[in-house]
Protein backbone atom coordinates (compact mmCIF):
# COMPACT_ATOMS: atom_id res chain seq x y z
CA MET A 1 -0.10 -0.06 0.16
CA PRO A 2 1.38 3.40 -1.03
CA GLY A 3 2.61 5.70 1.60
CA ALA A 4 1.15 9.03 2.27
CA GLY A 5 4.40 10.92 0.96
CA ASP A 6 3.56 8.09 -2.58
CA ARG A 7 0.35 9.90 -2.79
CA HIS A 8 1.73 13.74 -2.31
CA SER A 9 4.09 12.80 -5.24
CA SER A 10 1.41 11.48 -7.76
CA MET A 11 -0.41 14.73 -7.37
CA ARG A 12 2.47 17.01 -8.17
CA ARG A 13 2.51 18.95 -11.37
CA VAL A 14 4.62 18.88 -13.94
CA ARG A 15 6.11 21.74 -14.91
CA SER A 16 6.41 21.96 -18.36
CA THR A 17 9.92 22.73 -19.88
CA LYS A 18 10.47 24.99 -23.20
CA GLN A 19 11.29 22.14 -25.48
CA SER A 20 7.87 20.54 -24.40
CA ARG A 21 5.87 23.61 -24.85
CA ARG A 22 7.54 24.70 -28.06
CA SER A 23 7.10 20.62 -29.63
CA ALA A 24 3.02 20.68 -28.63
CA ARG A 25 2.96 24.45 -30.25
CA GLU A 26 4.51 22.94 -33.42
CA GLU A 27 1.50 20.81 -33.55
CA VAL A 28 -0.73 23.51 -33.64
CA GLY A 29 1.00 25.68 -35.97
CA ARG A 30 1.55 29.55 -36.21
CA LEU A 31 -0.86 31.85 -34.32
CA GLY A 32 -1.63 34.22 -37.35
CA PRO A 33 -3.49 32.19 -39.73
CA ARG A 34 -5.55 30.71 -36.77
CA LEU A 35 -7.32 34.08 -36.21
CA LEU A 36 -9.27 33.48 -39.27
CA ALA A 37 -11.48 29.84 -40.14
CA PRO A 38 -10.65 28.64 -43.12
CA ALA A 39 -14.08 29.58 -45.11
CA THR A 40 -13.55 33.18 -43.57
CA LEU A 41 -10.09 33.43 -44.80
CA LYS A 42 -11.26 31.71 -47.99
CA LEU A 43 -14.07 34.53 -48.66
CA TYR A 44 -11.92 37.49 -47.34
CA LEU A 45 -8.95 36.29 -50.05
CA GLN A 46 -11.72 35.80 -52.85
CA ALA A 47 -13.15 39.40 -52.36
CA ILE A 48 -9.65 41.07 -52.36
CA ARG A 49 -8.85 39.20 -55.77
CA LEU A 50 -12.10 40.63 -57.26
CA PHE A 51 -10.91 43.98 -55.87
CA LEU A 52 -7.59 43.69 -57.64
CA LEU A 53 -8.65 42.31 -60.70
CA TRP A 54 -11.12 45.42 -61.06
CA LEU A 55 -8.23 47.88 -60.34
CA THR A 56 -6.34 46.12 -63.21
CA CYS A 57 -9.21 46.12 -65.44
CA GLU A 58 -9.81 49.98 -64.89
CA SER A 59 -5.88 50.86 -65.20
CA ILE A 60 -5.93 52.10 -61.51
CA VAL A 61 -2.58 51.77 -59.73
CA TRP A 62 -2.33 50.66 -55.95
CA PRO A 63 -2.85 54.50 -54.28
CA GLU A 64 0.26 55.81 -51.73
CA ASP A 65 -1.92 56.36 -48.54
CA ALA A 66 -4.24 55.07 -46.68
CA GLU A 67 -7.10 58.28 -47.27
CA ASP A 68 -6.74 57.60 -51.03
CA LEU A 69 -7.64 53.87 -50.15
CA ASP A 70 -10.34 55.02 -48.96
CA GLU A 71 -11.82 57.06 -51.57
CA LEU A 72 -10.87 54.08 -54.49
CA LEU A 73 -12.88 51.54 -52.07
CA GLN A 74 -16.08 53.95 -52.19
CA THR A 75 -15.68 54.10 -56.02
CA TYR A 76 -15.32 50.59 -56.06
CA ALA A 77 -19.06 50.39 -53.87
CA GLU A 78 -20.78 52.43 -56.19
CA HIS A 79 -19.32 50.14 -59.04
CA CYS A 80 -20.90 46.63 -57.28
CA TRP A 81 -24.28 48.39 -56.27
CA ALA A 82 -24.21 49.48 -60.47
CA GLU A 83 -23.31 45.68 -61.43
CA GLY A 84 -25.49 44.36 -58.57
CA ASP A 85 -23.13 42.71 -56.95
CA SER A 86 -23.44 40.88 -53.57
CA LYS A 87 -23.20 43.67 -50.45
CA ALA A 88 -21.71 40.54 -48.87
CA ASP A 89 -18.59 40.47 -51.14
CA TYR A 90 -18.14 44.26 -50.48
CA ALA A 91 -18.54 43.59 -46.87
CA ASN A 92 -16.11 40.80 -47.08
CA LEU A 93 -13.20 42.98 -48.79
CA LEU A 94 -13.50 45.85 -46.29
CA SER A 95 -13.36 42.98 -43.23
CA GLY A 96 -9.86 41.07 -45.48
CA ILE A 97 -8.17 44.83 -45.87
CA SER A 98 -8.41 45.76 -42.55
CA HIS A 99 -7.70 42.26 -41.11
CA PRO A 100 -4.32 41.41 -39.63
CA VAL A 101 -3.68 38.42 -41.87
CA THR A 102 -5.44 39.04 -44.97
CA GLY A 103 -4.77 42.97 -44.87
CA ILE A 104 -3.02 45.97 -44.14
CA ALA A 105 -2.16 47.03 -40.28
CA ARG A 106 -4.63 49.23 -38.67
CA ILE A 107 -6.18 50.50 -42.25
CA ALA A 108 -9.64 50.14 -40.05
CA THR A 109 -9.18 53.59 -38.82
CA TYR A 110 -8.58 55.06 -42.61
CA ILE A 111 -11.19 53.37 -44.32
CA LYS A 112 -14.16 54.86 -42.52
CA GLY A 113 -15.88 56.48 -45.64
CA ALA A 114 -16.23 53.07 -47.58
CA TRP A 115 -18.07 51.78 -44.02
CA LYS A 116 -20.47 54.41 -44.53
CA PHE A 117 -21.22 53.40 -47.78
CA TYR A 118 -21.90 50.18 -46.86
CA GLY A 119 -24.45 51.01 -44.06
CA LEU A 120 -25.82 53.25 -46.83
CA TRP A 121 -26.00 49.83 -49.20
CA VAL A 122 -27.42 47.71 -46.17
CA LYS A 123 -30.04 50.47 -45.45
CA LEU A 124 -31.00 51.40 -48.94
CA GLU A 125 -31.09 47.28 -49.90
CA PRO A 126 -34.17 45.14 -48.73
CA ARG A 127 -32.72 42.34 -47.10
CA GLU A 128 -33.20 38.59 -48.44
CA ARG A 129 -33.90 36.70 -44.91
CA CYS A 130 -34.32 32.76 -45.35
CA LEU A 131 -37.31 31.46 -43.91
CA PRO A 132 -36.55 29.88 -40.04
CA LEU A 133 -37.09 25.86 -40.21
CA SER A 134 -39.94 25.15 -37.53
CA ARG A 135 -39.68 21.75 -36.12
CA SER A 136 -42.59 20.00 -38.27
CA ALA A 137 -40.15 21.22 -41.27
CA CYS A 138 -36.85 20.21 -39.57
CA ARG A 139 -38.28 16.68 -38.89
CA MET A 140 -39.61 16.22 -42.47
CA LEU A 141 -36.07 16.96 -44.14
CA VAL A 142 -34.31 14.65 -41.66
CA GLY A 143 -36.78 12.05 -42.33
CA GLN A 144 -35.83 12.54 -46.09
CA SER A 145 -32.35 12.32 -45.25
CA ILE A 146 -32.99 9.13 -43.87
CA LYS A 147 -34.95 7.64 -46.62
CA ARG A 148 -32.13 8.40 -48.64
CA GLY A 149 -29.39 6.86 -46.59
CA TRP A 150 -27.61 10.12 -45.74
CA TYR A 151 -27.69 9.35 -41.88
CA ASP A 152 -24.58 11.44 -41.04
CA MET A 153 -26.91 14.53 -42.92
CA ALA A 154 -30.10 13.43 -40.81
CA PHE A 155 -28.09 13.87 -37.70
CA VAL A 156 -26.10 17.13 -38.43
CA ILE A 157 -29.85 18.51 -39.54
CA LEU A 158 -31.24 17.69 -36.57
CA ARG A 159 -28.14 18.59 -34.07
CA ALA A 160 -28.00 22.15 -35.91
CA HIS A 161 -31.92 22.80 -35.32
CA HIS A 162 -31.53 21.76 -31.46
CA CYS A 163 -28.37 23.92 -30.78
CA LEU A 164 -29.01 26.85 -32.60
CA LEU A 165 -25.72 26.31 -34.74
CA ARG A 166 -24.40 28.31 -37.32
CA THR A 167 -23.51 26.19 -40.59
CA GLN A 168 -19.69 26.23 -40.13
CA GLU A 169 -20.15 25.35 -36.39
CA PHE A 170 -22.21 21.94 -37.49
CA CYS A 171 -20.61 21.22 -40.88
CA GLU A 172 -17.12 21.10 -38.73
CA CYS A 173 -18.18 19.90 -35.89
CA ARG A 174 -15.75 16.27 -35.16
CA SER A 175 -16.92 13.01 -33.12
CA GLY A 176 -14.42 14.33 -30.15
CA ASP A 177 -16.41 17.23 -29.40
CA PHE A 178 -19.42 15.28 -28.54
CA LYS A 179 -19.44 13.89 -25.21
CA VAL A 180 -22.37 11.98 -23.81
CA SER A 181 -23.02 11.98 -19.89
CA GLY A 182 -22.60 8.91 -17.80
CA LEU A 183 -26.27 8.14 -17.70
CA GLY A 184 -26.32 8.31 -21.54
CA HIS A 185 -29.91 10.95 -21.42
CA LYS A 186 -27.84 14.13 -22.39
CA ALA A 187 -24.52 15.61 -24.28
CA VAL A 188 -22.85 18.57 -24.05
CA LEU A 189 -21.32 19.56 -27.88
CA HIS A 190 -18.05 21.52 -27.68
CA LEU A 191 -17.60 24.45 -30.07
CA PRO A 192 -13.85 24.99 -30.19
CA ASP A 193 -13.87 27.30 -32.63
CA THR A 194 -16.63 29.56 -33.39
CA LYS A 195 -17.33 33.18 -34.41
CA SER A 196 -18.32 34.41 -30.64
CA GLY A 197 -15.83 32.56 -29.03
CA LYS A 198 -12.58 33.62 -31.20
CA ARG A 199 -13.86 36.97 -29.88
CA THR A 200 -13.78 35.83 -25.98
CA HIS A 201 -10.92 33.79 -26.20
CA LYS A 202 -13.05 30.70 -24.63
CA GLU A 203 -14.48 27.65 -25.80
CA GLU A 204 -17.87 27.38 -26.09
CA SER A 205 -20.32 24.45 -25.41
CA VAL A 206 -23.98 23.16 -25.93
CA THR A 207 -25.81 21.57 -24.16
CA VAL A 208 -27.99 18.46 -26.00
CA THR A 209 -31.11 17.61 -24.38
CA ASP A 210 -33.38 15.34 -26.61
CA THR A 211 -32.45 11.39 -25.79
CA ARG A 212 -33.12 10.49 -29.02
CA LEU A 213 -30.05 13.02 -30.56
CA VAL A 214 -28.14 11.72 -28.35
CA ALA A 215 -28.76 8.35 -28.99
CA PHE A 216 -28.30 8.92 -32.57
CA GLY A 217 -24.98 10.82 -31.73
CA GLN A 218 -23.66 8.00 -29.90
CA ALA A 219 -24.37 4.87 -33.03
CA LEU A 220 -22.58 7.43 -35.17
CA GLN A 221 -19.55 7.56 -33.09
CA GLN A 222 -19.19 4.12 -33.33
CA SER A 223 -17.29 4.14 -36.84
CA LEU A 224 -15.61 7.51 -36.21
CA GLN A 225 -12.12 9.00 -34.58
CA PRO A 226 -12.36 11.85 -31.96
CA GLY A 227 -11.32 13.57 -34.79
CA ASP A 228 -13.48 12.59 -37.51
CA ARG A 229 -16.60 14.83 -38.64
CA PHE A 230 -19.66 13.70 -38.11
CA LEU A 231 -20.22 15.05 -41.91
CA SER A 232 -18.51 13.26 -44.48
CA MET A 233 -18.87 15.89 -47.01
CA LYS A 234 -17.71 19.67 -47.24
CA ALA A 235 -19.88 22.74 -46.44
CA SER A 236 -20.26 23.27 -50.29
CA ALA A 237 -21.63 19.23 -50.61
CA PHE A 238 -24.04 19.54 -47.95
CA ARG A 239 -25.53 22.38 -49.74
CA LYS A 240 -25.98 20.98 -52.87
CA GLN A 241 -27.94 17.82 -50.80
CA PHE A 242 -29.83 20.27 -48.33
CA ARG A 243 -31.64 21.69 -51.96
CA VAL A 244 -31.60 18.12 -53.16
CA LEU A 245 -33.87 17.34 -49.76
CA LEU A 246 -35.91 20.05 -50.39
CA ASN A 247 -36.36 19.46 -54.33
CA ASP A 248 -37.37 15.63 -52.72
CA LEU A 249 -40.21 17.40 -50.38
CA GLU A 250 -41.27 19.94 -53.27
CA MET A 251 -40.13 23.06 -50.97
CA ASP A 252 -37.51 24.04 -53.29
CA HIS A 253 -39.05 27.26 -54.09
CA LEU A 254 -38.77 28.33 -50.81
CA TYR A 255 -35.88 30.37 -49.50
CA ILE A 256 -34.76 27.81 -46.98
CA GLN A 257 -30.91 27.97 -46.58
CA PRO A 258 -28.73 25.83 -44.23
CA TYR A 259 -28.89 28.89 -41.88
CA SER A 260 -32.88 28.53 -41.65
CA LEU A 261 -32.08 25.64 -39.18
CA ARG A 262 -30.09 27.96 -36.54
CA ARG A 263 -33.25 30.82 -37.43
CA GLY A 264 -36.43 28.06 -36.82
CA GLY A 265 -34.28 26.47 -33.55
CA ALA A 266 -34.12 29.88 -31.80
CA THR A 267 -37.69 30.34 -32.72
CA GLU A 268 -38.68 27.28 -31.23
CA HIS A 269 -36.56 27.43 -28.50
CA LEU A 270 -38.55 30.84 -27.52
CA LEU A 271 -41.67 29.26 -28.07
CA ALA A 272 -41.26 26.35 -26.16
CA GLY A 273 -41.59 28.63 -22.92
CA ASN A 274 -37.96 29.90 -22.63
CA SER A 275 -36.53 33.15 -21.99
CA LEU A 276 -35.58 35.50 -24.27
CA HIS A 277 -32.01 35.31 -22.03
CA ARG A 278 -31.67 31.69 -21.92
CA THR A 279 -32.49 31.92 -25.77
CA CYS A 280 -29.68 33.96 -26.19
CA LEU A 281 -27.62 32.31 -24.32
CA ARG A 282 -28.15 28.88 -25.57
CA GLY A 283 -27.47 30.89 -29.42
CA ARG A 284 -24.67 32.49 -27.96
CA TRP A 285 -25.11 36.06 -28.91
CA SER A 286 -23.27 38.23 -27.36
CA SER A 287 -25.81 40.62 -27.04
CA THR A 288 -29.49 40.55 -26.25
CA ALA A 289 -31.05 43.81 -27.94
CA THR A 290 -29.45 41.89 -31.53
CA ALA A 291 -31.14 38.37 -30.30
CA ARG A 292 -34.06 40.29 -29.84
CA ILE A 293 -33.85 41.78 -33.21
CA TYR A 294 -33.17 38.61 -34.54
CA VAL A 295 -35.93 36.05 -32.87
CA ASN A 296 -38.72 38.77 -33.32
CA GLU A 297 -38.16 38.83 -37.33
CA ALA A 298 -37.86 34.86 -37.11
CA LEU A 299 -41.18 34.52 -35.37
CA GLN A 300 -42.69 36.85 -38.09
CA ASP A 301 -40.98 34.89 -40.04
CA LEU A 302 -42.49 31.53 -39.15
CA GLY A 303 -45.31 32.98 -38.89
CA ASP A 304 -45.69 33.53 -42.67
CA PHE A 305 -44.64 30.15 -43.06
CA GLN A 306 -46.99 27.45 -43.93
CA THR A 307 -45.37 23.58 -43.57
CA PRO A 308 -46.46 21.28 -46.81
CA ASP A 309 -48.91 18.64 -45.91
CA THR A 310 -48.22 16.41 -49.31
CA ALA A 311 -47.66 12.74 -49.50
CA LYS A 312 -44.08 13.29 -49.50
CA THR A 313 -43.88 14.84 -46.84
CA ARG A 314 -45.81 12.82 -44.91
CA ALA A 315 -43.68 10.08 -45.95
CA ALA A 316 -40.57 11.33 -44.73
CA VAL A 317 -42.19 12.28 -41.38
CA ARG A 318 -43.01 8.55 -41.26
CA ALA A 319 -39.36 7.59 -42.09
CA LEU A 320 -38.03 9.80 -39.11
CA LEU A 321 -40.65 8.00 -36.52
CA SER A 322 -39.73 4.13 -37.56
CA PHE A 323 -36.12 5.46 -37.45
CA PHE A 324 -36.28 6.18 -34.19
CA GLU A 325 -39.09 3.54 -32.91
């Protein structure tokens, strides 16, 4: 039987060495690229390339100072507005050109005029909001996924709606991030690289309280390694298959996007009797005021959305119910 000295020895904290820290950091990689998610980095670089291509076509040289760059970006805003380009692309350009990884250091202070142009653009152009997916519509999509044998997609759709996940979050979630409790009734979904988590430098998590969803995740985990993603495809492929499901259910004429899962999930969470504060915490919004606008708009849109009742949608629901029996 070990003595007290042995017990205290085993509880001592092992101090890391410079070499061990260096080895661990080499596995993680450089700090800079981790400031941006790969998908965001791609969007920023694409927007910057389009701007540089426009400069070349217009025979415009890169400005010598930041104030001239601000004026040039305002001119480019007028060009994009006239051409019918997306305001999201212009916003990605301004964000990208100001970011430490993809842009110019401290340039954000000097392009306030360009951001004002973007603000006016947002004000003048009506927003096109995707419809929030109700619980019943979500069940139809899940059932249709099961009918097609797309079990990973069915799980991801169900989890995204239940946990109010952003598109990138549910596409990138890995098996090791899904931790089931000892009794198997609940699970915790860890979200290591979220949009809001990067702002606070904290890892976020969401509790999974749906027992069927917990069991579904456990079943999928049996064939996965901790580092494997639940979704067996890239986000672009997910979007294509998502549209296939909508076409199967004759819902492709509606403006429903993967982000509709988060909008609908937040609305259903509030309608279930939860306070706005609790919905805000679950959705990980930093501002209650922002969450209130978001949910109120979703409530209005959900009221305008009628879940289709067809032979195909009823068959999809039956497939879902039989799967969970």
